[in-house]
N, C-alpha and C. Protein backbone atom coordinates (compact mmCIF):
# COMPACT_ATOMS: atom_id res chain seq x y z
N MET A 1 35.16 -26.18 -13.71
CA MET A 1 34.53 -25.16 -14.55
C MET A 1 33.01 -25.30 -14.51
N LYS A 2 32.52 -26.54 -14.54
CA LYS A 2 31.09 -26.79 -14.52
C LYS A 2 30.47 -26.30 -13.21
N LYS A 3 31.19 -26.52 -12.09
CA LYS A 3 30.70 -26.07 -10.78
C LYS A 3 30.65 -24.54 -10.72
N LEU A 4 31.67 -23.91 -11.28
CA LEU A 4 31.73 -22.45 -11.29
C LEU A 4 30.57 -21.88 -12.10
N LEU A 5 30.31 -22.46 -13.27
CA LEU A 5 29.20 -22.02 -14.11
C LEU A 5 27.87 -22.21 -13.39
N THR A 6 27.71 -23.32 -12.70
CA THR A 6 26.48 -23.58 -11.93
C THR A 6 26.31 -22.54 -10.83
N LEU A 7 27.38 -22.21 -10.12
CA LEU A 7 27.31 -21.20 -9.06
C LEU A 7 26.95 -19.83 -9.62
N VAL A 8 27.53 -19.47 -10.74
CA VAL A 8 27.23 -18.18 -11.38
C VAL A 8 25.76 -18.13 -11.79
N LEU A 9 25.26 -19.20 -12.38
CA LEU A 9 23.85 -19.24 -12.80
C LEU A 9 22.92 -19.16 -11.59
N LEU A 10 23.25 -19.87 -10.52
CA LEU A 10 22.43 -19.80 -9.31
C LEU A 10 22.45 -18.40 -8.70
N ALA A 11 23.61 -17.77 -8.69
CA ALA A 11 23.73 -16.43 -8.14
C ALA A 11 22.91 -15.43 -8.97
N CYS A 12 22.99 -15.56 -10.30
CA CYS A 12 22.23 -14.67 -11.18
C CYS A 12 20.73 -14.88 -11.03
N SER A 13 20.30 -16.11 -10.95
CA SER A 13 18.87 -16.37 -10.81
C SER A 13 18.37 -15.88 -9.47
N GLY A 14 19.19 -15.97 -8.43
CA GLY A 14 18.81 -15.45 -7.11
C GLY A 14 18.70 -13.94 -7.14
N ALA A 15 19.60 -13.27 -7.85
CA ALA A 15 19.54 -11.82 -7.95
C ALA A 15 18.28 -11.38 -8.69
N LEU A 16 17.93 -12.11 -9.76
CA LEU A 16 16.72 -11.76 -10.48
C LEU A 16 15.48 -11.99 -9.62
N PHE A 17 15.48 -13.08 -8.87
CA PHE A 17 14.34 -13.37 -8.00
C PHE A 17 14.21 -12.31 -6.92
N ALA A 18 15.34 -11.88 -6.35
CA ALA A 18 15.31 -10.87 -5.29
C ALA A 18 14.86 -9.52 -5.83
N ALA A 19 15.10 -9.24 -7.12
CA ALA A 19 14.72 -7.95 -7.70
C ALA A 19 13.23 -7.85 -7.96
N THR A 20 12.54 -8.99 -8.01
CA THR A 20 11.10 -8.98 -8.23
C THR A 20 10.41 -8.55 -6.95
N PRO A 21 9.61 -7.47 -6.99
CA PRO A 21 8.98 -6.99 -5.76
C PRO A 21 7.91 -7.97 -5.28
N PRO A 22 7.72 -8.05 -3.96
CA PRO A 22 6.63 -8.90 -3.46
C PRO A 22 5.29 -8.32 -3.89
N VAL A 23 4.30 -9.17 -4.04
CA VAL A 23 2.99 -8.72 -4.51
C VAL A 23 1.97 -8.88 -3.39
N VAL A 24 1.48 -7.75 -2.87
CA VAL A 24 0.40 -7.75 -1.89
C VAL A 24 -0.93 -7.78 -2.64
N TYR A 25 -0.98 -7.01 -3.75
CA TYR A 25 -2.19 -6.93 -4.56
C TYR A 25 -1.79 -6.55 -5.98
N GLN A 26 -2.34 -7.23 -6.97
CA GLN A 26 -2.07 -6.97 -8.38
C GLN A 26 -3.22 -6.17 -8.97
N GLY A 27 -2.93 -4.97 -9.45
CA GLY A 27 -3.95 -4.16 -10.11
C GLY A 27 -4.15 -4.60 -11.55
N GLU A 28 -5.22 -4.13 -12.14
CA GLU A 28 -5.49 -4.44 -13.54
C GLU A 28 -4.74 -3.46 -14.44
N ALA A 29 -4.36 -3.92 -15.62
CA ALA A 29 -3.68 -3.06 -16.58
C ALA A 29 -4.56 -1.87 -16.93
N GLY A 30 -3.95 -0.71 -17.06
CA GLY A 30 -4.67 0.49 -17.45
C GLY A 30 -5.21 1.32 -16.30
N LEU A 31 -5.14 0.80 -15.06
CA LEU A 31 -5.64 1.56 -13.92
C LEU A 31 -4.55 2.46 -13.34
N HIS A 32 -4.95 3.62 -12.86
CA HIS A 32 -4.09 4.58 -12.19
C HIS A 32 -3.76 4.03 -10.80
N PRO A 33 -2.61 4.39 -10.20
CA PRO A 33 -2.29 3.89 -8.86
C PRO A 33 -3.39 4.14 -7.81
N ALA A 34 -4.04 5.30 -7.86
CA ALA A 34 -5.11 5.59 -6.89
C ALA A 34 -6.29 4.64 -7.10
N GLN A 35 -6.58 4.28 -8.34
CA GLN A 35 -7.66 3.33 -8.60
C GLN A 35 -7.32 1.94 -8.06
N VAL A 36 -6.06 1.54 -8.20
CA VAL A 36 -5.62 0.25 -7.67
C VAL A 36 -5.72 0.26 -6.14
N ALA A 37 -5.29 1.36 -5.52
CA ALA A 37 -5.37 1.49 -4.06
C ALA A 37 -6.81 1.38 -3.58
N LEU A 38 -7.73 2.07 -4.25
CA LEU A 38 -9.14 2.02 -3.84
C LEU A 38 -9.74 0.63 -4.06
N ALA A 39 -9.34 -0.04 -5.13
CA ALA A 39 -9.83 -1.41 -5.36
C ALA A 39 -9.35 -2.33 -4.25
N TYR A 40 -8.10 -2.17 -3.83
CA TYR A 40 -7.54 -3.00 -2.76
C TYR A 40 -8.21 -2.71 -1.42
N LEU A 41 -8.51 -1.45 -1.14
CA LEU A 41 -9.06 -1.04 0.15
C LEU A 41 -10.58 -1.01 0.20
N LYS A 42 -11.26 -1.42 -0.87
CA LYS A 42 -12.71 -1.24 -0.96
C LYS A 42 -13.45 -1.81 0.24
N ASP A 43 -13.04 -2.95 0.78
CA ASP A 43 -13.73 -3.53 1.93
C ASP A 43 -13.39 -2.82 3.23
N LYS A 44 -12.33 -2.02 3.22
CA LYS A 44 -11.91 -1.29 4.42
C LYS A 44 -12.49 0.12 4.47
N ILE A 45 -12.91 0.64 3.31
CA ILE A 45 -13.42 2.02 3.29
C ILE A 45 -14.93 2.10 3.09
N SER A 46 -15.58 0.97 2.84
CA SER A 46 -17.05 0.97 2.73
C SER A 46 -17.58 -0.44 2.90
N ASN A 47 -18.87 -0.53 3.12
CA ASN A 47 -19.49 -1.85 3.22
C ASN A 47 -19.82 -2.36 1.80
N PRO A 48 -20.32 -3.58 1.65
CA PRO A 48 -20.61 -4.12 0.31
C PRO A 48 -21.58 -3.27 -0.52
N ALA A 49 -22.43 -2.48 0.14
CA ALA A 49 -23.37 -1.62 -0.58
C ALA A 49 -22.73 -0.30 -1.01
N GLY A 50 -21.49 -0.04 -0.58
CA GLY A 50 -20.81 1.20 -0.94
C GLY A 50 -21.02 2.32 0.06
N GLN A 51 -21.65 2.03 1.19
CA GLN A 51 -21.88 3.06 2.21
C GLN A 51 -20.66 3.15 3.13
N PHE A 52 -20.48 4.32 3.73
CA PHE A 52 -19.32 4.56 4.59
C PHE A 52 -19.75 5.29 5.85
N GLU A 53 -18.90 5.23 6.89
CA GLU A 53 -19.18 5.89 8.16
C GLU A 53 -17.96 6.69 8.61
N TYR A 54 -17.63 7.70 7.83
CA TYR A 54 -16.55 8.62 8.16
C TYR A 54 -16.86 9.95 7.47
N GLN A 55 -16.14 11.00 7.90
CA GLN A 55 -16.42 12.33 7.36
C GLN A 55 -15.61 12.66 6.10
N ARG A 56 -14.37 12.14 6.02
CA ARG A 56 -13.51 12.55 4.91
C ARG A 56 -12.56 11.43 4.50
N LEU A 57 -12.31 11.33 3.22
CA LEU A 57 -11.35 10.37 2.68
C LEU A 57 -10.32 11.17 1.89
N ASP A 58 -9.07 11.14 2.34
CA ASP A 58 -7.99 11.87 1.66
C ASP A 58 -7.04 10.87 1.01
N ILE A 59 -6.70 11.13 -0.26
CA ILE A 59 -5.78 10.27 -0.99
C ILE A 59 -4.63 11.13 -1.51
N GLN A 60 -3.40 10.72 -1.21
CA GLN A 60 -2.22 11.42 -1.69
C GLN A 60 -1.31 10.43 -2.40
N GLN A 61 -0.71 10.89 -3.48
CA GLN A 61 0.25 10.07 -4.22
C GLN A 61 1.57 10.80 -4.24
N ARG A 62 2.66 10.07 -3.94
CA ARG A 62 4.00 10.66 -3.96
C ARG A 62 4.94 9.76 -4.75
N SER A 63 5.77 10.40 -5.58
CA SER A 63 6.82 9.69 -6.30
C SER A 63 8.14 10.38 -6.01
N GLN A 64 9.24 9.67 -6.18
CA GLN A 64 10.57 10.22 -5.93
C GLN A 64 11.21 10.69 -7.22
N GLY A 65 11.56 11.95 -7.28
CA GLY A 65 12.26 12.48 -8.45
C GLY A 65 11.55 12.19 -9.75
N GLU A 66 12.30 11.64 -10.69
CA GLU A 66 11.73 11.32 -12.00
C GLU A 66 11.45 9.83 -12.16
N ASP A 67 11.37 9.11 -11.05
CA ASP A 67 11.05 7.68 -11.09
C ASP A 67 9.54 7.53 -11.01
N PHE A 68 8.92 7.34 -12.15
CA PHE A 68 7.46 7.22 -12.20
C PHE A 68 7.02 5.76 -12.36
N THR A 69 7.91 4.82 -11.99
CA THR A 69 7.54 3.41 -11.96
C THR A 69 7.35 2.91 -10.53
N HIS A 70 7.59 3.79 -9.57
CA HIS A 70 7.36 3.49 -8.17
C HIS A 70 6.63 4.68 -7.54
N THR A 71 5.71 4.40 -6.64
CA THR A 71 4.98 5.48 -5.99
C THR A 71 4.49 5.01 -4.64
N GLN A 72 4.06 5.95 -3.83
CA GLN A 72 3.44 5.64 -2.55
C GLN A 72 2.10 6.35 -2.49
N ILE A 73 1.08 5.60 -2.15
CA ILE A 73 -0.27 6.14 -2.00
C ILE A 73 -0.60 6.14 -0.51
N SER A 74 -1.09 7.26 -0.02
CA SER A 74 -1.55 7.35 1.36
C SER A 74 -3.04 7.60 1.33
N VAL A 75 -3.81 6.74 1.99
CA VAL A 75 -5.26 6.88 2.07
C VAL A 75 -5.61 7.10 3.54
N GLU A 76 -6.15 8.28 3.85
CA GLU A 76 -6.53 8.60 5.22
C GLU A 76 -8.05 8.66 5.33
N ILE A 77 -8.57 7.92 6.28
CA ILE A 77 -10.01 7.90 6.57
C ILE A 77 -10.18 8.72 7.84
N LYS A 78 -10.79 9.90 7.72
CA LYS A 78 -10.87 10.85 8.84
C LYS A 78 -12.30 10.99 9.34
N GLY A 79 -12.40 11.22 10.65
CA GLY A 79 -13.71 11.43 11.25
C GLY A 79 -14.51 10.14 11.36
N LEU A 80 -13.86 9.07 11.80
CA LEU A 80 -14.55 7.79 11.96
C LEU A 80 -15.63 7.89 13.03
N MET A 81 -16.68 7.14 12.86
CA MET A 81 -17.75 7.09 13.86
C MET A 81 -17.37 6.06 14.92
N ASP A 82 -16.30 6.35 15.65
CA ASP A 82 -15.76 5.45 16.66
C ASP A 82 -15.38 6.30 17.87
N ASP A 83 -15.63 5.81 19.07
CA ASP A 83 -15.36 6.63 20.25
C ASP A 83 -13.89 6.66 20.65
N SER A 84 -13.05 5.77 20.12
CA SER A 84 -11.64 5.79 20.48
C SER A 84 -10.70 6.09 19.30
N VAL A 85 -11.04 5.65 18.10
CA VAL A 85 -10.20 5.87 16.91
C VAL A 85 -10.79 6.99 16.07
N ALA A 86 -10.01 8.04 15.86
CA ALA A 86 -10.48 9.18 15.07
C ALA A 86 -10.23 8.98 13.57
N ASN A 87 -9.03 8.53 13.22
CA ASN A 87 -8.63 8.38 11.82
C ASN A 87 -7.89 7.07 11.62
N GLU A 88 -7.95 6.54 10.40
CA GLU A 88 -7.12 5.41 9.99
C GLU A 88 -6.34 5.83 8.77
N ARG A 89 -5.13 5.28 8.64
CA ARG A 89 -4.29 5.61 7.48
C ARG A 89 -3.67 4.34 6.93
N TYR A 90 -3.72 4.22 5.62
CA TYR A 90 -3.08 3.12 4.90
C TYR A 90 -2.01 3.73 4.00
N ARG A 91 -0.79 3.25 4.12
CA ARG A 91 0.29 3.68 3.23
C ARG A 91 0.69 2.49 2.38
N LEU A 92 0.55 2.65 1.08
CA LEU A 92 0.78 1.57 0.13
C LEU A 92 1.95 1.92 -0.78
N LYS A 93 2.96 1.06 -0.82
CA LYS A 93 4.06 1.22 -1.77
C LYS A 93 3.68 0.45 -3.01
N MET A 94 3.93 1.06 -4.18
CA MET A 94 3.51 0.46 -5.43
C MET A 94 4.64 0.51 -6.46
N ALA A 95 4.59 -0.46 -7.38
CA ALA A 95 5.54 -0.52 -8.49
C ALA A 95 4.78 -0.87 -9.76
N PHE A 96 5.24 -0.34 -10.88
CA PHE A 96 4.64 -0.64 -12.18
C PHE A 96 5.36 -1.86 -12.74
N VAL A 97 4.66 -3.00 -12.79
CA VAL A 97 5.26 -4.27 -13.19
C VAL A 97 4.38 -4.90 -14.28
N ASP A 98 4.98 -5.23 -15.39
CA ASP A 98 4.26 -5.90 -16.48
C ASP A 98 2.96 -5.18 -16.87
N ALA A 99 3.04 -3.88 -17.09
CA ALA A 99 1.93 -3.05 -17.58
C ALA A 99 0.80 -2.85 -16.57
N ALA A 100 1.07 -3.08 -15.28
CA ALA A 100 0.04 -2.85 -14.26
C ALA A 100 0.70 -2.43 -12.95
N TRP A 101 -0.03 -1.68 -12.14
CA TRP A 101 0.46 -1.28 -10.82
C TRP A 101 0.23 -2.40 -9.84
N VAL A 102 1.26 -2.66 -9.02
CA VAL A 102 1.25 -3.71 -8.02
C VAL A 102 1.53 -3.09 -6.66
N ILE A 103 0.75 -3.45 -5.65
CA ILE A 103 1.03 -3.01 -4.29
C ILE A 103 2.07 -3.97 -3.73
N THR A 104 3.22 -3.42 -3.31
CA THR A 104 4.33 -4.25 -2.84
C THR A 104 4.45 -4.23 -1.31
N ALA A 105 3.85 -3.26 -0.65
CA ALA A 105 3.91 -3.19 0.81
C ALA A 105 2.76 -2.35 1.32
N GLU A 106 2.29 -2.69 2.51
CA GLU A 106 1.18 -1.96 3.14
C GLU A 106 1.53 -1.69 4.60
N GLN A 107 1.22 -0.48 5.05
CA GLN A 107 1.34 -0.16 6.47
C GLN A 107 0.04 0.51 6.91
N LYS A 108 -0.55 0.01 7.98
CA LYS A 108 -1.79 0.58 8.51
C LYS A 108 -1.51 1.12 9.90
N ASP A 109 -1.99 2.33 10.16
CA ASP A 109 -1.93 2.90 11.49
C ASP A 109 -3.15 3.78 11.73
N HIS A 110 -3.27 4.35 12.90
CA HIS A 110 -4.46 5.13 13.23
C HIS A 110 -4.11 6.26 14.20
N ARG A 111 -5.03 7.18 14.33
CA ARG A 111 -4.89 8.30 15.27
C ARG A 111 -6.00 8.15 16.31
N CYS A 112 -5.61 8.20 17.58
CA CYS A 112 -6.57 8.05 18.67
C CYS A 112 -7.26 9.38 18.98
N ARG A 113 -8.47 9.30 19.49
CA ARG A 113 -9.20 10.51 19.89
C ARG A 113 -8.60 11.14 21.14
N ARG A 114 -8.04 10.34 22.02
CA ARG A 114 -7.46 10.86 23.26
C ARG A 114 -6.21 10.04 23.59
N GLY A 115 -5.36 10.63 24.40
CA GLY A 115 -4.16 9.91 24.83
C GLY A 115 -3.00 10.11 23.87
N LEU A 116 -2.72 9.13 23.07
CA LEU A 116 -1.57 9.16 22.17
C LEU A 116 -1.68 10.27 21.12
N LYS A 117 -0.55 10.87 20.81
CA LYS A 117 -0.50 11.93 19.79
C LYS A 117 0.01 11.35 18.47
N GLY A 118 -0.49 11.85 17.37
CA GLY A 118 -0.03 11.41 16.06
C GLY A 118 -0.54 10.03 15.70
N TYR A 119 -0.06 9.50 14.57
CA TYR A 119 -0.45 8.17 14.12
C TYR A 119 0.36 7.11 14.85
N THR A 120 -0.28 6.01 15.17
CA THR A 120 0.35 4.94 15.92
C THR A 120 -0.28 3.59 15.53
N GLN A 121 0.38 2.53 15.95
CA GLN A 121 -0.19 1.19 15.78
C GLN A 121 -0.60 0.63 17.13
N LYS A 122 -0.40 1.41 18.20
CA LYS A 122 -0.80 1.00 19.54
C LYS A 122 -2.31 1.13 19.70
N LEU A 123 -2.86 0.37 20.64
CA LEU A 123 -4.29 0.42 20.90
C LEU A 123 -4.70 1.77 21.49
N CYS A 124 -5.85 2.26 21.08
CA CYS A 124 -6.40 3.48 21.63
C CYS A 124 -7.20 3.15 22.90
N ARG A 125 -7.32 4.14 23.79
CA ARG A 125 -8.11 3.94 25.01
C ARG A 125 -9.50 4.48 24.84
């Protein structure tokens, strides 16, 4: 009986641990998901002085149905001053955990000026 109880407790604790989303970045309480995304990407979208070298920054937020505790933010940096990479895109999955938004996954890709069509993770020529 003691072994069975131990196994049940271990199984339950493992399930709770698995349900906790991984944390790529922890936002501050009270911030909107887009604010958390910009805080996380600040070094990627501007230099320390706040200057940037692109033409447009597009931010989109998407949620599924009526689940407003999970969202995906897409940040597209368009018109880069680069001869091979035209755009960069960051897709961030987020969850509302303990009164703050947390980034649980990140995917980065880019669009080449020539050659490959659409967004890719392959090198541009």
